[in-house]
Amino acid sequence: GPKPPKILTDEMLLQACEGRTAHKAARLGITMKAKLARLEAQEQAFLARLKGQDPGTPHPQSESKPPKKKKKKK
């Protein structure tokens, strides 16, 4: 029968592709460090909130009550 696909980690996949990525700007030296830093900060804040610590950032609006929608008149 068919074999199940081999699961690769990100590091194994990057090594197998010899460091190439699908991000076209990476070929030109654009690495998106600022975006990656923002994502890392968001991840740290999320993990801190899960552990019950105060990350120092306000809570997102999703935790507050959603506004009521008005019905359209016909």
C-alpha atoms as a PDB file:
ATOM      1  CA  GLY A   1       0.000   0.000   0.000  1.00  0.00           C
ATOM      2  CA  PRO A   2       0.950   3.657  -0.122  1.00  0.00           C
ATOM      3  CA  LYS A   3       3.355   4.916   2.515  1.00  0.00           C
ATOM      4  CA  PRO A   4       2.311   7.801   4.779  1.00  0.00           C
ATOM      5  CA  PRO A   5       4.170  11.036   3.980  1.00  0.00           C
ATOM      6  CA  LYS A   6       7.297  11.766   6.007  1.00  0.00           C
ATOM      7  CA  ILE A   7       6.737  14.706   8.361  1.00  0.00           C
ATOM      8  CA  LEU A   8       9.560  17.253   8.259  1.00  0.00           C
ATOM      9  CA  THR A   9      10.261  19.940  10.830  1.00  0.00           C
ATOM     10  CA  ASP A  10      10.868  23.504   9.652  1.00  0.00           C
ATOM     11  CA  GLU A  11      14.599  23.107  10.208  1.00  0.00           C
ATOM     12  CA  MET A  12      14.743  19.850   8.238  1.00  0.00           C
ATOM     13  CA  LEU A  13      12.757  21.393   5.379  1.00  0.00           C
ATOM     14  CA  LEU A  14      14.987  24.486   5.260  1.00  0.00           C
ATOM     15  CA  GLN A  15      18.065  22.267   5.201  1.00  0.00           C
ATOM     16  CA  ALA A  16      16.592  20.085   2.445  1.00  0.00           C
ATOM     17  CA  CYS A  17      15.895  23.208   0.347  1.00  0.00           C
ATOM     18  CA  GLU A  18      19.439  24.471   0.977  1.00  0.00           C
ATOM     19  CA  GLY A  19      18.175  27.631   2.679  1.00  0.00           C
ATOM     20  CA  ARG A  20      15.853  28.710  -0.136  1.00  0.00           C
ATOM     21  CA  THR A  21      12.421  30.015   0.774  1.00  0.00           C
ATOM     22  CA  ALA A  22       9.248  30.718  -1.197  1.00  0.00           C
ATOM     23  CA  HIS A  23       9.429  34.359  -0.124  1.00  0.00           C
ATOM     24  CA  LYS A  24      10.492  36.079  -3.343  1.00  0.00           C
ATOM     25  CA  ALA A  25      11.841  39.180  -1.595  1.00  0.00           C
ATOM     26  CA  ALA A  26      14.220  36.987   0.418  1.00  0.00           C
ATOM     27  CA  ARG A  27      16.219  36.472  -2.768  1.00  0.00           C
ATOM     28  CA  LEU A  28      16.859  40.213  -2.780  1.00  0.00           C
ATOM     29  CA  GLY A  29      17.919  40.318   0.871  1.00  0.00           C
ATOM     30  CA  ILE A  30      14.617  41.554   2.334  1.00  0.00           C
ATOM     31  CA  THR A  31      14.153  39.518   5.512  1.00  0.00           C
ATOM     32  CA  MET A  32      11.071  41.136   7.138  1.00  0.00           C
ATOM     33  CA  LYS A  33      12.835  41.393  10.521  1.00  0.00           C
ATOM     34  CA  ALA A  34      10.426  44.065  11.775  1.00  0.00           C
ATOM     35  CA  LYS A  35       7.379  41.931  11.034  1.00  0.00           C
ATOM     36  CA  LEU A  36       8.960  38.893  12.638  1.00  0.00           C
ATOM     37  CA  ALA A  37       9.793  40.967  15.727  1.00  0.00           C
ATOM     38  CA  ARG A  38       6.154  42.144  15.973  1.00  0.00           C
ATOM     39  CA  LEU A  39       4.910  38.566  15.647  1.00  0.00           C
ATOM     40  CA  GLU A  40       7.330  37.431  18.351  1.00  0.00           C
ATOM     41  CA  ALA A  41       6.101  40.197  20.684  1.00  0.00           C
ATOM     42  CA  GLN A  42       2.481  39.220  20.037  1.00  0.00           C
ATOM     43  CA  GLU A  43       3.285  35.578  20.727  1.00  0.00           C
ATOM     44  CA  GLN A  44       5.040  36.458  24.003  1.00  0.00           C
ATOM     45  CA  ALA A  45       2.075  38.606  25.080  1.00  0.00           C
ATOM     46  CA  PHE A  46      -0.331  35.784  24.264  1.00  0.00           C
ATOM     47  CA  LEU A  47       1.704  33.223  26.203  1.00  0.00           C
ATOM     48  CA  ALA A  48       1.988  35.611  29.165  1.00  0.00           C
ATOM     49  CA  ARG A  49      -1.784  36.131  29.132  1.00  0.00           C
ATOM     50  CA  LEU A  50      -2.304  32.346  29.109  1.00  0.00           C
ATOM     51  CA  LYS A  51      -0.074  32.001  32.162  1.00  0.00           C
ATOM     52  CA  GLY A  52      -2.013  34.721  33.973  1.00  0.00           C
ATOM     53  CA  GLN A  53       0.736  37.316  33.851  1.00  0.00           C
ATOM     54  CA  ASP A  54       0.214  40.908  32.726  1.00  0.00           C
ATOM     55  CA  PRO A  55       2.052  41.446  29.420  1.00  0.00           C
ATOM     56  CA  GLY A  56       1.633  45.232  29.678  1.00  0.00           C
ATOM     57  CA  THR A  57      -0.621  45.486  26.642  1.00  0.00           C
ATOM     58  CA  PRO A  58      -4.382  46.086  26.621  1.00  0.00           C
ATOM     59  CA  HIS A  59      -6.676  43.138  26.075  1.00  0.00           C
ATOM     60  CA  PRO A  60      -8.068  42.728  22.562  1.00  0.00           C
ATOM     61  CA  GLN A  61     -11.635  43.796  21.801  1.00  0.00           C
ATOM     62  CA  SER A  62     -12.730  40.196  21.264  1.00  0.00           C
ATOM     63  CA  GLU A  63     -12.971  39.756  25.041  1.00  0.00           C
ATOM     64  CA  SER A  64     -15.425  42.658  25.389  1.00  0.00           C
ATOM     65  CA  LYS A  65     -19.089  42.477  24.461  1.00  0.00           C
ATOM     66  CA  PRO A  66     -19.703  42.703  20.716  1.00  0.00           C
ATOM     67  CA  PRO A  67     -21.822  45.699  19.589  1.00  0.00           C
ATOM     68  CA  LYS A  68     -25.436  44.984  18.725  1.00  0.00           C
ATOM     69  CA  LYS A  69     -26.291  45.107  15.032  1.00  0.00           C
ATOM     70  CA  LYS A  70     -29.094  47.344  13.880  1.00  0.00           C
ATOM     71  CA  LYS A  71     -31.818  45.880  11.715  1.00  0.00           C
ATOM     72  CA  LYS A  72     -32.305  47.407   8.286  1.00  0.00           C
ATOM     73  CA  LYS A  73     -35.627  49.012   7.469  1.00  0.00           C
ATOM     74  CA  LYS A  74     -37.433  47.747   4.427  1.00  0.00           C
END
